[in-house]
Amino acid sequence: MSPDFIVGFARQAIEMALTLALPMLMVGMVVGIVVSVLQAATQIQEMTLTFVPKIIAMFAALIFAFPWIMNKMIAYTTNLFLNFPNYIR
């Protein structure tokens, strides 16, 4: 195993983790911005008002995106296991 292979392998794993987290992170960011604008407009400064809607929205995004996430994870893992003999050379 060369250092280039290991760096490429680690890069691919990090890209996959970020790709799988993207739907929840984007929904959390959008809901956070909307709630922040709402708080600024109404001058309500309640901490749970920002936290609870983000959790609910991120959970809903996880449920909605779960089939896609599972397909990506299965494809990545299958590719990893099929190429395992090539990795140990």
C-alpha atoms as a PDB file:
ATOM      1  CA  MET A   1       0.000   0.000   0.000  1.00  0.00           C
ATOM      2  CA  SER A   2       1.398   3.300  -1.054  1.00  0.00           C
ATOM      3  CA  PRO A   3       0.818   6.569   0.774  1.00  0.00           C
ATOM      4  CA  ASP A   4      -1.137   7.837  -2.248  1.00  0.00           C
ATOM      5  CA  PHE A   5      -3.516   4.888  -1.998  1.00  0.00           C
ATOM      6  CA  ILE A   6      -4.090   5.446   1.723  1.00  0.00           C
ATOM      7  CA  VAL A   7      -4.709   9.167   1.246  1.00  0.00           C
ATOM      8  CA  GLY A   8      -7.134   8.443  -1.600  1.00  0.00           C
ATOM      9  CA  PHE A   9      -8.907   5.814   0.453  1.00  0.00           C
ATOM     10  CA  ALA A  10      -9.267   8.195   3.413  1.00  0.00           C
ATOM     11  CA  ARG A  11     -10.469  10.987   1.096  1.00  0.00           C
ATOM     12  CA  GLN A  12     -13.124   8.702  -0.352  1.00  0.00           C
ATOM     13  CA  ALA A  13     -14.329   7.721   3.140  1.00  0.00           C
ATOM     14  CA  ILE A  14     -14.524  11.368   4.269  1.00  0.00           C
ATOM     15  CA  GLU A  15     -16.385  12.357   1.089  1.00  0.00           C
ATOM     16  CA  MET A  16     -18.879   9.562   1.681  1.00  0.00           C
ATOM     17  CA  ALA A  17     -19.451  10.624   5.297  1.00  0.00           C
ATOM     18  CA  LEU A  18     -20.015  14.245   4.263  1.00  0.00           C
ATOM     19  CA  THR A  19     -22.326  13.205   1.421  1.00  0.00           C
ATOM     20  CA  LEU A  20     -24.434  11.114   3.791  1.00  0.00           C
ATOM     21  CA  ALA A  21     -24.643  13.930   6.358  1.00  0.00           C
ATOM     22  CA  LEU A  22     -25.500  16.617   3.798  1.00  0.00           C
ATOM     23  CA  PRO A  23     -29.321  16.266   3.772  1.00  0.00           C
ATOM     24  CA  MET A  24     -29.621  16.612   7.547  1.00  0.00           C
ATOM     25  CA  LEU A  25     -27.089  19.433   7.746  1.00  0.00           C
ATOM     26  CA  MET A  26     -28.767  21.424   4.982  1.00  0.00           C
ATOM     27  CA  VAL A  27     -32.223  21.062   6.539  1.00  0.00           C
ATOM     28  CA  GLY A  28     -30.832  22.041   9.935  1.00  0.00           C
ATOM     29  CA  MET A  29     -29.173  25.115   8.458  1.00  0.00           C
ATOM     30  CA  VAL A  30     -32.301  26.239   6.579  1.00  0.00           C
ATOM     31  CA  VAL A  31     -34.549  25.734   9.612  1.00  0.00           C
ATOM     32  CA  GLY A  32     -32.014  27.541  11.810  1.00  0.00           C
ATOM     33  CA  ILE A  33     -31.947  30.541   9.479  1.00  0.00           C
ATOM     34  CA  VAL A  34     -35.753  30.668   9.262  1.00  0.00           C
ATOM     35  CA  VAL A  35     -36.120  30.471  13.044  1.00  0.00           C
ATOM     36  CA  SER A  36     -33.411  33.116  13.535  1.00  0.00           C
ATOM     37  CA  VAL A  37     -35.188  35.504  11.157  1.00  0.00           C
ATOM     38  CA  LEU A  38     -38.461  34.801  12.952  1.00  0.00           C
ATOM     39  CA  GLN A  39     -36.820  35.476  16.315  1.00  0.00           C
ATOM     40  CA  ALA A  40     -35.260  38.698  15.061  1.00  0.00           C
ATOM     41  CA  ALA A  41     -38.606  39.871  13.678  1.00  0.00           C
ATOM     42  CA  THR A  42     -40.578  39.077  16.823  1.00  0.00           C
ATOM     43  CA  GLN A  43     -37.772  39.719  19.345  1.00  0.00           C
ATOM     44  CA  ILE A  44     -38.443  36.393  21.062  1.00  0.00           C
ATOM     45  CA  GLN A  45     -35.139  35.106  22.432  1.00  0.00           C
ATOM     46  CA  GLU A  46     -35.988  31.607  23.611  1.00  0.00           C
ATOM     47  CA  MET A  47     -33.245  28.956  23.260  1.00  0.00           C
ATOM     48  CA  THR A  48     -35.625  26.021  22.904  1.00  0.00           C
ATOM     49  CA  LEU A  49     -37.322  27.802  20.006  1.00  0.00           C
ATOM     50  CA  THR A  50     -34.152  27.342  17.940  1.00  0.00           C
ATOM     51  CA  PHE A  51     -33.239  23.877  19.163  1.00  0.00           C
ATOM     52  CA  VAL A  52     -36.497  21.899  18.979  1.00  0.00           C
ATOM     53  CA  PRO A  53     -37.539  22.791  15.387  1.00  0.00           C
ATOM     54  CA  LYS A  54     -34.051  21.917  14.125  1.00  0.00           C
ATOM     55  CA  ILE A  55     -34.133  18.516  15.797  1.00  0.00           C
ATOM     56  CA  ILE A  56     -37.590  17.747  14.429  1.00  0.00           C
ATOM     57  CA  ALA A  57     -36.674  18.912  10.914  1.00  0.00           C
ATOM     58  CA  MET A  58     -33.401  16.973  10.908  1.00  0.00           C
ATOM     59  CA  PHE A  59     -35.178  13.839  12.082  1.00  0.00           C
ATOM     60  CA  ALA A  60     -37.760  14.257   9.312  1.00  0.00           C
ATOM     61  CA  ALA A  61     -34.956  14.747   6.765  1.00  0.00           C
ATOM     62  CA  LEU A  62     -33.284  11.577   8.044  1.00  0.00           C
ATOM     63  CA  ILE A  63     -36.483   9.585   7.623  1.00  0.00           C
ATOM     64  CA  PHE A  64     -37.056  11.021   4.140  1.00  0.00           C
ATOM     65  CA  ALA A  65     -33.432  10.514   2.977  1.00  0.00           C
ATOM     66  CA  PHE A  66     -32.881   7.149   4.677  1.00  0.00           C
ATOM     67  CA  PRO A  67     -33.449   4.970   1.558  1.00  0.00           C
ATOM     68  CA  TRP A  68     -30.946   7.062  -0.411  1.00  0.00           C
ATOM     69  CA  ILE A  69     -28.455   6.970   2.472  1.00  0.00           C
ATOM     70  CA  MET A  70     -28.772   3.190   2.760  1.00  0.00           C
ATOM     71  CA  ASN A  71     -28.252   2.731  -0.994  1.00  0.00           C
ATOM     72  CA  LYS A  72     -25.102   4.860  -0.871  1.00  0.00           C
ATOM     73  CA  MET A  73     -23.783   2.994   2.179  1.00  0.00           C
ATOM     74  CA  ILE A  74     -24.494  -0.420   0.662  1.00  0.00           C
ATOM     75  CA  ALA A  75     -22.821   0.541  -2.626  1.00  0.00           C
ATOM     76  CA  TYR A  76     -19.760   1.892  -0.804  1.00  0.00           C
ATOM     77  CA  THR A  77     -19.463  -1.168   1.439  1.00  0.00           C
ATOM     78  CA  THR A  78     -19.993  -3.587  -1.449  1.00  0.00           C
ATOM     79  CA  ASN A  79     -17.289  -1.816  -3.448  1.00  0.00           C
ATOM     80  CA  LEU A  80     -14.988  -1.924  -0.436  1.00  0.00           C
ATOM     81  CA  PHE A  81     -15.478  -5.667   0.126  1.00  0.00           C
ATOM     82  CA  LEU A  82     -15.237  -6.579  -3.569  1.00  0.00           C
ATOM     83  CA  ASN A  83     -11.942  -4.715  -3.915  1.00  0.00           C
ATOM     84  CA  PHE A  84     -10.521  -6.018  -0.629  1.00  0.00           C
ATOM     85  CA  PRO A  85      -8.143  -8.474  -2.354  1.00  0.00           C
ATOM     86  CA  ASN A  86      -6.690  -5.562  -4.332  1.00  0.00           C
ATOM     87  CA  TYR A  87      -6.178  -3.537  -1.136  1.00  0.00           C
ATOM     88  CA  ILE A  88      -4.049  -6.114   0.668  1.00  0.00           C
ATOM     89  CA  ARG A  89      -1.479  -6.396  -2.114  1.00  0.00           C
END
